[in-house]
Protein backbone atom coordinates (compact mmCIF):
# COMPACT_ATOMS: atom_id res chain seq x y z
CA MET A 1 81.29 8.38 -157.95
CA SER A 2 80.20 5.49 -159.59
CA ARG A 3 82.71 2.64 -161.04
CA LYS A 4 81.96 1.64 -164.52
CA PRO A 5 81.36 -2.40 -165.14
CA TRP A 6 85.05 -2.19 -166.54
CA GLN A 7 86.63 -1.28 -163.51
CA ARG A 8 84.99 -3.65 -161.49
CA ASP A 9 85.34 -6.48 -164.20
CA LEU A 10 89.41 -5.60 -164.43
CA LEU A 11 90.10 -5.29 -160.64
CA LEU A 12 88.72 -8.45 -159.92
CA ALA A 13 89.62 -9.86 -162.66
CA VAL A 14 93.35 -9.12 -162.75
CA ASP A 15 95.85 -10.27 -159.80
CA ASP A 16 99.44 -10.46 -161.71
CA PRO A 17 100.42 -9.44 -165.43
CA ARG A 18 99.96 -12.98 -167.11
CA SER A 19 96.23 -12.57 -165.90
CA LEU A 20 96.29 -8.78 -167.21
CA VAL A 21 97.27 -10.25 -170.73
CA ALA A 22 94.64 -13.20 -170.73
CA PHE A 23 92.09 -10.71 -169.62
CA ALA A 24 93.16 -8.38 -172.40
CA LYS A 25 92.95 -11.00 -174.91
CA ALA A 26 89.44 -11.93 -173.46
CA SER A 27 88.28 -8.74 -173.64
CA GLY A 28 89.20 -7.86 -177.40
CA MET A 29 92.16 -5.28 -176.18
CA ARG A 30 95.45 -4.37 -176.16
CA PRO A 31 97.46 -5.41 -172.98
CA GLY A 32 98.59 -1.76 -173.05
CA THR A 33 94.84 -1.00 -172.76
CA ALA A 34 94.22 -3.04 -170.34
CA ALA A 35 97.16 -2.14 -167.92
CA SER A 36 95.77 1.66 -168.42
CA ARG A 37 92.30 0.58 -167.65
CA LEU A 38 93.38 -1.69 -164.39
CA ARG A 39 95.24 2.01 -163.09
CA LEU A 40 92.65 4.18 -164.10
CA ALA A 41 90.20 1.46 -162.36
CA ARG A 42 92.37 1.29 -159.00
CA GLU A 43 92.50 5.21 -159.42
CA ALA A 44 88.90 5.35 -158.90
CA LEU A 45 88.65 2.73 -156.47
CA ALA A 46 91.18 4.15 -153.81
CA LEU A 47 89.85 7.64 -153.79
CA GLN A 48 86.16 5.81 -153.27
CA LEU A 49 87.80 4.23 -150.23
CA ARG A 50 89.31 7.94 -149.16
CA ARG A 51 86.04 9.50 -149.42
CA ARG A 52 84.41 6.84 -147.10
CA ARG A 53 86.84 7.24 -144.04
């Protein structure tokens, strides 16, 4: 499973709720959309890490 570039960018950019809102604004998306995509990116990363065991 390959990660999409936006997943990597989002995971690296966001470390608290304020940075999520800042990332959303800088990316031209709504904060709710960014939050949803962050959840998807975290799930994809967790799946990839579980597969490495």
